Every structure is written in C-alpha cells, then in structure tokens.
Amino acid sequence: PALDVLRLADGLGTAEETILFDTWGAHWRRAAPGSDPAASIALLRPVYALYGAVVYDQFLANTEPSEHPYYAFGFAQCLTAARLHAEGRIG
C-alpha cells in the first residue's frame, strides 16, 4: 500500500502530499492498529525511486535510439532521487 500511495503522490505539492499521506495513514492505522504508515512511506521512498529508474530503462529499451535524448534524463533523475531519499536529504 505504501508504494501505491507514493504513486498517487507523484506531482503533488507538499501541502497536497501531506493531506494525502495523513488521510491514507489514518485509514491504515484504523485497519492495522499499531502500524506506522509514515515509516513505511519513508522506507519505501528510495525503493519507489529505483522502481521509477527501472520503468524508464524499460521504456528507453523500447524506444528508438534517436528519441533517447528526449527521455534519458528521467533515468538519472530517478537514481538521484533514490540516493537523496536514502540519505535522508529529501522527504
């Protein structure tokens, strides 16, 4: 479920993301008392970013080489995000 909510949060601003995570977390805590949805999100952020890198890589593998310059930045962005999340430099 944490991967799903991270996907839903793509493109949201900080305020909207906070509302989404708080609402989702409240539902999860009701369904699983004692759980820690916020910790799940924090732990999975780097994994989600790495998953994004894999998706980009697969996309590029199925794209004409002449198109790669237009899309290749996404792979690097995902890897950078994974590193920053793992280091705790971004939330």
PDB file of N, CA and C in Angstrom:
ATOM      1  N   PRO A   1       0.801  -1.220   0.000  1.00  0.00           N
ATOM      2  CA  PRO A   1       0.000   0.000   0.000  1.00  0.00           C
ATOM      3  C   PRO A   1       0.841   1.281   0.000  1.00  0.00           C
ATOM      4  N   ALA A   2       2.008   1.248   0.634  1.00  0.00           N
ATOM      5  CA  ALA A   2       2.837   2.454   0.663  1.00  0.00           C
ATOM      6  C   ALA A   2       3.347   2.797  -0.734  1.00  0.00           C
ATOM      7  N   LEU A   3       3.668   1.808  -1.535  1.00  0.00           N
ATOM      8  CA  LEU A   3       4.086   2.090  -2.908  1.00  0.00           C
ATOM      9  C   LEU A   3       2.942   2.716  -3.697  1.00  0.00           C
ATOM     10  N   ASP A   4       1.737   2.250  -3.443  1.00  0.00           N
ATOM     11  CA  ASP A   4       0.575   2.802  -4.147  1.00  0.00           C
ATOM     12  C   ASP A   4       0.361   4.266  -3.792  1.00  0.00           C
ATOM     13  N   VAL A   5       0.473   4.609  -2.513  1.00  0.00           N
ATOM     14  CA  VAL A   5       0.242   5.996  -2.122  1.00  0.00           C
ATOM     15  C   VAL A   5       1.376   6.894  -2.612  1.00  0.00           C
ATOM     16  N   LEU A   6       2.583   6.354  -2.693  1.00  0.00           N
ATOM     17  CA  LEU A   6       3.676   7.144  -3.268  1.00  0.00           C
ATOM     18  C   LEU A   6       3.395   7.452  -4.735  1.00  0.00           C
ATOM     19  N   ARG A   7       2.842   6.501  -5.447  1.00  0.00           N
ATOM     20  CA  ARG A   7       2.482   6.733  -6.853  1.00  0.00           C
ATOM     21  C   ARG A   7       1.394   7.799  -6.953  1.00  0.00           C
ATOM     22  N   LEU A   8       0.419   7.732  -6.066  1.00  0.00           N
ATOM     23  CA  LEU A   8      -0.650   8.730  -6.069  1.00  0.00           C
ATOM     24  C   LEU A   8      -0.111  10.131  -5.788  1.00  0.00           C
ATOM     25  N   ALA A   9       0.968  10.205  -5.025  1.00  0.00           N
ATOM     26  CA  ALA A   9       1.527  11.496  -4.635  1.00  0.00           C
ATOM     27  C   ALA A   9       2.398  12.127  -5.720  1.00  0.00           C
ATOM     28  N   ASP A  10       2.757  11.371  -6.744  1.00  0.00           N
ATOM     29  CA  ASP A  10       3.593  11.925  -7.819  1.00  0.00           C
ATOM     30  C   ASP A  10       2.976  13.208  -8.362  1.00  0.00           C
ATOM     31  N   GLY A  11       3.768  14.255  -8.380  1.00  0.00           N
ATOM     32  CA  GLY A  11       3.327  15.508  -8.966  1.00  0.00           C
ATOM     33  C   GLY A  11       2.564  16.430  -8.021  1.00  0.00           C
ATOM     34  N   LEU A  12       2.263  15.963  -6.819  1.00  0.00           N
ATOM     35  CA  LEU A  12       1.561  16.811  -5.863  1.00  0.00           C
ATOM     36  C   LEU A  12       2.527  17.772  -5.196  1.00  0.00           C
ATOM     37  N   GLY A  13       2.016  18.899  -4.781  1.00  0.00           N
ATOM     38  CA  GLY A  13       2.800  19.822  -3.980  1.00  0.00           C
ATOM     39  C   GLY A  13       2.907  19.302  -2.558  1.00  0.00           C
ATOM     40  N   THR A  14       3.734  19.941  -1.765  1.00  0.00           N
ATOM     41  CA  THR A  14       3.972  19.495  -0.395  1.00  0.00           C
ATOM     42  C   THR A  14       2.686  19.470   0.434  1.00  0.00           C
ATOM     43  N   ALA A  15       1.877  20.498   0.327  1.00  0.00           N
ATOM     44  CA  ALA A  15       0.641  20.563   1.119  1.00  0.00           C
ATOM     45  C   ALA A  15      -0.315  19.440   0.732  1.00  0.00           C
ATOM     46  N   GLU A  16      -0.473  19.220  -0.576  1.00  0.00           N
ATOM     47  CA  GLU A  16      -1.385  18.170  -1.027  1.00  0.00           C
ATOM     48  C   GLU A  16      -0.853  16.783  -0.660  1.00  0.00           C
ATOM     49  N   GLU A  17       0.460  16.604  -0.767  1.00  0.00           N
ATOM     50  CA  GLU A  17       1.064  15.326  -0.396  1.00  0.00           C
ATOM     51  C   GLU A  17       0.840  15.040   1.089  1.00  0.00           C
ATOM     52  N   THR A  18       0.993  16.050   1.911  1.00  0.00           N
ATOM     53  CA  THR A  18       0.784  15.891   3.354  1.00  0.00           C
ATOM     54  C   THR A  18      -0.649  15.471   3.647  1.00  0.00           C
ATOM     55  N   ILE A  19      -1.600  16.106   2.998  1.00  0.00           N
ATOM     56  CA  ILE A  19      -3.010  15.743   3.190  1.00  0.00           C
ATOM     57  C   ILE A  19      -3.248  14.296   2.760  1.00  0.00           C
ATOM     58  N   LEU A  20      -2.722  13.931   1.606  1.00  0.00           N
ATOM     59  CA  LEU A  20      -2.879  12.559   1.107  1.00  0.00           C
ATOM     60  C   LEU A  20      -2.293  11.553   2.093  1.00  0.00           C
ATOM     61  N   PHE A  21      -1.043  11.767   2.507  1.00  0.00           N
ATOM     62  CA  PHE A  21      -0.375  10.822   3.397  1.00  0.00           C
ATOM     63  C   PHE A  21      -1.067  10.754   4.759  1.00  0.00           C
ATOM     64  N   ASP A  22      -1.502  11.895   5.274  1.00  0.00           N
ATOM     65  CA  ASP A  22      -2.182  11.892   6.577  1.00  0.00           C
ATOM     66  C   ASP A  22      -3.510  11.146   6.506  1.00  0.00           C
ATOM     67  N   THR A  23      -4.277  11.389   5.460  1.00  0.00           N
ATOM     68  CA  THR A  23      -5.572  10.724   5.297  1.00  0.00           C
ATOM     69  C   THR A  23      -5.388   9.228   5.089  1.00  0.00           C
ATOM     70  N   TRP A  24      -4.485   8.874   4.199  1.00  0.00           N
ATOM     71  CA  TRP A  24      -4.189   7.464   3.927  1.00  0.00           C
ATOM     72  C   TRP A  24      -3.668   6.771   5.180  1.00  0.00           C
ATOM     73  N   GLY A  25      -2.759   7.443   5.892  1.00  0.00           N
ATOM     74  CA  GLY A  25      -2.192   6.871   7.108  1.00  0.00           C
ATOM     75  C   GLY A  25      -3.240   6.635   8.186  1.00  0.00           C
ATOM     76  N   ALA A  26      -4.186   7.546   8.303  1.00  0.00           N
ATOM     77  CA  ALA A  26      -5.258   7.378   9.296  1.00  0.00           C
ATOM     78  C   ALA A  26      -6.096   6.147   8.975  1.00  0.00           C
ATOM     79  N   HIS A  27      -6.393   5.940   7.694  1.00  0.00           N
ATOM     80  CA  HIS A  27      -7.144   4.743   7.293  1.00  0.00           C
ATOM     81  C   HIS A  27      -6.349   3.477   7.578  1.00  0.00           C
ATOM     82  N   TRP A  28      -5.063   3.501   7.286  1.00  0.00           N
ATOM     83  CA  TRP A  28      -4.217   2.330   7.520  1.00  0.00           C
ATOM     84  C   TRP A  28      -4.137   2.024   9.020  1.00  0.00           C
ATOM     85  N   ARG A  29      -3.962   3.063   9.844  1.00  0.00           N
ATOM     86  CA  ARG A  29      -3.873   2.829  11.296  1.00  0.00           C
ATOM     87  C   ARG A  29      -5.177   2.272  11.861  1.00  0.00           C
ATOM     88  N   ARG A  30      -6.309   2.669  11.303  1.00  0.00           N
ATOM     89  CA  ARG A  30      -7.589   2.098  11.743  1.00  0.00           C
ATOM     90  C   ARG A  30      -7.671   0.618  11.360  1.00  0.00           C
ATOM     91  N   ALA A  31      -7.186   0.290  10.176  1.00  0.00           N
ATOM     92  CA  ALA A  31      -7.232  -1.097   9.696  1.00  0.00           C
ATOM     93  C   ALA A  31      -6.182  -1.965  10.378  1.00  0.00           C
ATOM     94  N   ALA A  32      -5.053  -1.361  10.748  1.00  0.00           N
ATOM     95  CA  ALA A  32      -3.945  -2.117  11.359  1.00  0.00           C
ATOM     96  C   ALA A  32      -3.400  -1.316  12.543  1.00  0.00           C
ATOM     97  N   PRO A  33      -4.125  -1.363  13.676  1.00  0.00           N
ATOM     98  CA  PRO A  33      -3.665  -0.615  14.848  1.00  0.00           C
ATOM     99  C   PRO A  33      -2.225  -0.988  15.217  1.00  0.00           C
ATOM    100  N   GLY A  34      -1.480   0.034  15.596  1.00  0.00           N
ATOM    101  CA  GLY A  34      -0.088  -0.181  15.949  1.00  0.00           C
ATOM    102  C   GLY A  34       0.865  -0.078  14.774  1.00  0.00           C
ATOM    103  N   SER A  35       0.329   0.054  13.567  1.00  0.00           N
ATOM    104  CA  SER A  35       1.190   0.172  12.390  1.00  0.00           C
ATOM    105  C   SER A  35       1.756   1.589  12.305  1.00  0.00           C
ATOM    106  N   ASP A  36       2.746   1.759  11.474  1.00  0.00           N
ATOM    107  CA  ASP A  36       3.390   3.060  11.301  1.00  0.00           C
ATOM    108  C   ASP A  36       3.477   3.398   9.815  1.00  0.00           C
ATOM    109  N   PRO A  37       2.376   3.898   9.255  1.00  0.00           N
ATOM    110  CA  PRO A  37       2.359   4.201   7.821  1.00  0.00           C
ATOM    111  C   PRO A  37       3.428   5.207   7.402  1.00  0.00           C
ATOM    112  N   ALA A  38       3.703   6.185   8.240  1.00  0.00           N
ATOM    113  CA  ALA A  38       4.709   7.192   7.887  1.00  0.00           C
ATOM    114  C   ALA A  38       6.085   6.551   7.733  1.00  0.00           C
ATOM    115  N   ALA A  39       6.412   5.612   8.602  1.00  0.00           N
ATOM    116  CA  ALA A  39       7.697   4.912   8.496  1.00  0.00           C
ATOM    117  C   ALA A  39       7.744   4.078   7.222  1.00  0.00           C
ATOM    118  N   SER A  40       6.620   3.479   6.852  1.00  0.00           N
ATOM    119  CA  SER A  40       6.567   2.696   5.610  1.00  0.00           C
ATOM    120  C   SER A  40       6.846   3.573   4.403  1.00  0.00           C
ATOM    121  N   ILE A  41       6.257   4.758   4.403  1.00  0.00           N
ATOM    122  CA  ILE A  41       6.492   5.685   3.297  1.00  0.00           C
ATOM    123  C   ILE A  41       7.967   6.072   3.253  1.00  0.00           C
ATOM    124  N   ALA A  42       8.516   6.419   4.393  1.00  0.00           N
ATOM    125  CA  ALA A  42       9.918   6.845   4.443  1.00  0.00           C
ATOM    126  C   ALA A  42      10.854   5.735   3.967  1.00  0.00           C
ATOM    127  N   LEU A  43      10.591   4.505   4.380  1.00  0.00           N
ATOM    128  CA  LEU A  43      11.443   3.383   3.988  1.00  0.00           C
ATOM    129  C   LEU A  43      11.332   3.057   2.502  1.00  0.00           C
ATOM    130  N   LEU A  44      10.143   3.254   1.942  1.00  0.00           N
ATOM    131  CA  LEU A  44       9.928   2.866   0.550  1.00  0.00           C
ATOM    132  C   LEU A  44      10.211   3.962  -0.467  1.00  0.00           C
ATOM    133  N   ARG A  45      10.417   5.184  -0.028  1.00  0.00           N
ATOM    134  CA  ARG A  45      10.699   6.269  -0.992  1.00  0.00           C
ATOM    135  C   ARG A  45      11.896   5.938  -1.886  1.00  0.00           C
ATOM    136  N   PRO A  46      13.041   5.497  -1.336  1.00  0.00           N
ATOM    137  CA  PRO A  46      14.153   5.162  -2.237  1.00  0.00           C
ATOM    138  C   PRO A  46      13.828   3.986  -3.152  1.00  0.00           C
ATOM    139  N   VAL A  47      13.100   3.020  -2.640  1.00  0.00           N
ATOM    140  CA  VAL A  47      12.718   1.854  -3.451  1.00  0.00           C
ATOM    141  C   VAL A  47      11.810   2.304  -4.596  1.00  0.00           C
ATOM    142  N   TYR A  48      10.867   3.179  -4.295  1.00  0.00           N
ATOM    143  CA  TYR A  48       9.960   3.686  -5.323  1.00  0.00           C
ATOM    144  C   TYR A  48      10.733   4.437  -6.409  1.00  0.00           C
ATOM    145  N   ALA A  49      11.720   5.225  -5.998  1.00  0.00           N
ATOM    146  CA  ALA A  49      12.529   5.947  -6.976  1.00  0.00           C
ATOM    147  C   ALA A  49      13.335   4.977  -7.844  1.00  0.00           C
ATOM    148  N   LEU A  50      13.865   3.914  -7.247  1.00  0.00           N
ATOM    149  CA  LEU A  50      14.591   2.907  -8.033  1.00  0.00           C
ATOM    150  C   LEU A  50      13.644   2.192  -9.000  1.00  0.00           C
ATOM    151  N   TYR A  51      12.437   1.925  -8.550  1.00  0.00           N
ATOM    152  CA  TYR A  51      11.436   1.331  -9.432  1.00  0.00           C
ATOM    153  C   TYR A  51      11.197   2.254 -10.635  1.00  0.00           C
ATOM    154  N   GLY A  52      11.139   3.553 -10.381  1.00  0.00           N
ATOM    155  CA  GLY A  52      10.984   4.508 -11.475  1.00  0.00           C
ATOM    156  C   GLY A  52      12.129   4.421 -12.469  1.00  0.00           C
ATOM    157  N   ALA A  53      13.346   4.222 -11.963  1.00  0.00           N
ATOM    158  CA  ALA A  53      14.503   4.070 -12.853  1.00  0.00           C
ATOM    159  C   ALA A  53      14.355   2.832 -13.727  1.00  0.00           C
ATOM    160  N   VAL A  54      13.860   1.753 -13.161  1.00  0.00           N
ATOM    161  CA  VAL A  54      13.654   0.519 -13.931  1.00  0.00           C
ATOM    162  C   VAL A  54      12.607   0.749 -15.025  1.00  0.00           C
ATOM    163  N   VAL A  55      11.534   1.432 -14.674  1.00  0.00           N
ATOM    164  CA  VAL A  55      10.486   1.723 -15.669  1.00  0.00           C
ATOM    165  C   VAL A  55      11.053   2.571 -16.805  1.00  0.00           C
ATOM    166  N   TYR A  56      11.829   3.601 -16.460  1.00  0.00           N
ATOM    167  CA  TYR A  56      12.452   4.422 -17.506  1.00  0.00           C
ATOM    168  C   TYR A  56      13.381   3.598 -18.381  1.00  0.00           C
ATOM    169  N   ASP A  57      14.172   2.734 -17.744  1.00  0.00           N
ATOM    170  CA  ASP A  57      15.097   1.898 -18.504  1.00  0.00           C
ATOM    171  C   ASP A  57      14.337   1.013 -19.494  1.00  0.00           C
ATOM    172  N   GLN A  58      13.234   0.428 -19.046  1.00  0.00           N
ATOM    173  CA  GLN A  58      12.427  -0.413 -19.930  1.00  0.00           C
ATOM    174  C   GLN A  58      11.804   0.415 -21.052  1.00  0.00           C
ATOM    175  N   PHE A  59      11.373   1.604 -20.706  1.00  0.00           N
ATOM    176  CA  PHE A  59      10.807   2.497 -21.706  1.00  0.00           C
ATOM    177  C   PHE A  59      11.848   2.823 -22.773  1.00  0.00           C
ATOM    178  N   LEU A  60      13.053   3.192 -22.325  1.00  0.00           N
ATOM    179  CA  LEU A  60      14.122   3.527 -23.277  1.00  0.00           C
ATOM    180  C   LEU A  60      14.505   2.327 -24.133  1.00  0.00           C
ATOM    181  N   ALA A  61      14.473   1.134 -23.553  1.00  0.00           N
ATOM    182  CA  ALA A  61      14.823  -0.076 -24.305  1.00  0.00           C
ATOM    183  C   ALA A  61      13.844  -0.320 -25.449  1.00  0.00           C
ATOM    184  N   ASN A  62      12.647   0.223 -25.328  1.00  0.00           N
ATOM    185  CA  ASN A  62      11.624   0.019 -26.352  1.00  0.00           C
ATOM    186  C   ASN A  62      11.351   1.288 -27.163  1.00  0.00           C
ATOM    187  N   THR A  63      12.284   2.209 -27.116  1.00  0.00           N
ATOM    188  CA  THR A  63      12.155   3.471 -27.827  1.00  0.00           C
ATOM    189  C   THR A  63      13.274   3.576 -28.856  1.00  0.00           C
ATOM    190  N   GLU A  64      12.988   4.194 -29.962  1.00  0.00           N
ATOM    191  CA  GLU A  64      14.001   4.408 -30.990  1.00  0.00           C
ATOM    192  C   GLU A  64      15.194   5.159 -30.390  1.00  0.00           C
ATOM    193  N   PRO A  65      16.405   4.747 -30.693  1.00  0.00           N
ATOM    194  CA  PRO A  65      17.591   5.432 -30.161  1.00  0.00           C
ATOM    195  C   PRO A  65      17.597   6.940 -30.416  1.00  0.00           C
ATOM    196  N   SER A  66      17.032   7.349 -31.532  1.00  0.00           N
ATOM    197  CA  SER A  66      17.001   8.791 -31.833  1.00  0.00           C
ATOM    198  C   SER A  66      16.137   9.571 -30.835  1.00  0.00           C
ATOM    199  N   GLU A  67      15.257   8.877 -30.137  1.00  0.00           N
ATOM    200  CA  GLU A  67      14.378   9.514 -29.154  1.00  0.00           C
ATOM    201  C   GLU A  67      14.993   9.555 -27.756  1.00  0.00           C
ATOM    202  N   HIS A  68      16.045   8.787 -27.514  1.00  0.00           N
ATOM    203  CA  HIS A  68      16.642   8.692 -26.185  1.00  0.00           C
ATOM    204  C   HIS A  68      17.017  10.031 -25.562  1.00  0.00           C
ATOM    205  N   PRO A  69      17.594  10.970 -26.312  1.00  0.00           N
ATOM    206  CA  PRO A  69      17.960  12.243 -25.677  1.00  0.00           C
ATOM    207  C   PRO A  69      16.778  12.981 -25.049  1.00  0.00           C
ATOM    208  N   TYR A  70      15.589  12.734 -25.544  1.00  0.00           N
ATOM    209  CA  TYR A  70      14.417  13.425 -25.020  1.00  0.00           C
ATOM    210  C   TYR A  70      13.916  12.818 -23.703  1.00  0.00           C
ATOM    211  N   TYR A  71      14.296  11.580 -23.437  1.00  0.00           N
ATOM    212  CA  TYR A  71      13.757  10.872 -22.276  1.00  0.00           C
ATOM    213  C   TYR A  71      14.807  10.373 -21.295  1.00  0.00           C
ATOM    214  N   ALA A  72      16.059  10.339 -21.687  1.00  0.00           N
ATOM    215  CA  ALA A  72      17.102   9.735 -20.860  1.00  0.00           C
ATOM    216  C   ALA A  72      17.264  10.427 -19.511  1.00  0.00           C
ATOM    217  N   PHE A  73      16.917  11.702 -19.408  1.00  0.00           N
ATOM    218  CA  PHE A  73      17.063  12.424 -18.147  1.00  0.00           C
ATOM    219  C   PHE A  73      16.257  11.784 -17.019  1.00  0.00           C
ATOM    220  N   GLY A  74      15.141  11.151 -17.346  1.00  0.00           N
ATOM    221  CA  GLY A  74      14.278  10.558 -16.322  1.00  0.00           C
ATOM    222  C   GLY A  74      14.966   9.468 -15.543  1.00  0.00           C
ATOM    223  N   PHE A  75      15.777   8.665 -16.204  1.00  0.00           N
ATOM    224  CA  PHE A  75      16.506   7.591 -15.532  1.00  0.00           C
ATOM    225  C   PHE A  75      17.440   8.183 -14.483  1.00  0.00           C
ATOM    226  N   ALA A  76      18.218   9.184 -14.884  1.00  0.00           N
ATOM    227  CA  ALA A  76      19.161   9.825 -13.957  1.00  0.00           C
ATOM    228  C   ALA A  76      18.421  10.513 -12.810  1.00  0.00           C
ATOM    229  N   GLN A  77      17.292  11.136 -13.093  1.00  0.00           N
ATOM    230  CA  GLN A  77      16.515  11.792 -12.043  1.00  0.00           C
ATOM    231  C   GLN A  77      16.037  10.780 -11.002  1.00  0.00           C
ATOM    232  N   CYS A  78      15.599   9.624 -11.457  1.00  0.00           N
ATOM    233  CA  CYS A  78      15.132   8.592 -10.536  1.00  0.00           C
ATOM    234  C   CYS A  78      16.272   8.087  -9.658  1.00  0.00           C
ATOM    235  N   LEU A  79      17.432   7.876 -10.250  1.00  0.00           N
ATOM    236  CA  LEU A  79      18.580   7.417  -9.460  1.00  0.00           C
ATOM    237  C   LEU A  79      19.011   8.468  -8.452  1.00  0.00           C
ATOM    238  N   THR A  80      19.004   9.721  -8.848  1.00  0.00           N
ATOM    239  CA  THR A  80      19.348  10.802  -7.921  1.00  0.00           C
ATOM    240  C   THR A  80      18.338  10.880  -6.784  1.00  0.00           C
ATOM    241  N   ALA A  81      17.071  10.770  -7.106  1.00  0.00           N
ATOM    242  CA  ALA A  81      16.034  10.798  -6.070  1.00  0.00           C
ATOM    243  C   ALA A  81      16.196   9.639  -5.095  1.00  0.00           C
ATOM    244  N   ALA A  82      16.499   8.454  -5.607  1.00  0.00           N
ATOM    245  CA  ALA A  82      16.701   7.297  -4.734  1.00  0.00           C
ATOM    246  C   ALA A  82      17.848   7.563  -3.761  1.00  0.00           C
ATOM    247  N   ARG A  83      18.951   8.116  -4.268  1.00  0.00           N
ATOM    248  CA  ARG A  83      20.104   8.408  -3.408  1.00  0.00           C
ATOM    249  C   ARG A  83      19.745   9.452  -2.363  1.00  0.00           C
ATOM    250  N   LEU A  84      19.077  10.521  -2.763  1.00  0.00           N
ATOM    251  CA  LEU A  84      18.727  11.584  -1.823  1.00  0.00           C
ATOM    252  C   LEU A  84      17.748  11.101  -0.764  1.00  0.00           C
ATOM    253  N   HIS A  85      16.787  10.271  -1.155  1.00  0.00           N
ATOM    254  CA  HIS A  85      15.862   9.705  -0.178  1.00  0.00           C
ATOM    255  C   HIS A  85      16.594   8.799   0.792  1.00  0.00           C
ATOM    256  N   ALA A  86      17.475   7.947   0.271  1.00  0.00           N
ATOM    257  CA  ALA A  86      18.222   7.020   1.125  1.00  0.00           C
ATOM    258  C   ALA A  86      19.111   7.768   2.101  1.00  0.00           C
ATOM    259  N   GLU A  87      19.636   8.905   1.687  1.00  0.00           N
ATOM    260  CA  GLU A  87      20.493   9.707   2.556  1.00  0.00           C
ATOM    261  C   GLU A  87      19.684  10.596   3.497  1.00  0.00           C
ATOM    262  N   GLY A  88      18.373  10.631   3.313  1.00  0.00           N
ATOM    263  CA  GLY A  88      17.513  11.469   4.151  1.00  0.00           C
ATOM    264  C   GLY A  88      17.591  12.938   3.803  1.00  0.00           C
ATOM    265  N   ARG A  89      18.075  13.246   2.610  1.00  0.00           N
ATOM    266  CA  ARG A  89      18.221  14.648   2.214  1.00  0.00           C
ATOM    267  C   ARG A  89      16.948  15.224   1.625  1.00  0.00           C
ATOM    268  N   ILE A  90      16.026  14.352   1.194  1.00  0.00           N
ATOM    269  CA  ILE A  90      14.699  14.797   0.777  1.00  0.00           C
ATOM    270  C   ILE A  90      13.690  13.839   1.379  1.00  0.00           C
ATOM    271  N   GLY A  91      12.469  14.354   1.608  1.00  0.00           N
ATOM    272  CA  GLY A  91      11.441  13.561   2.267  1.00  0.00           C
ATOM    273  C   GLY A  91      10.725  12.737   1.345  1.00  0.00           C
TER     274      GLY A  91
END
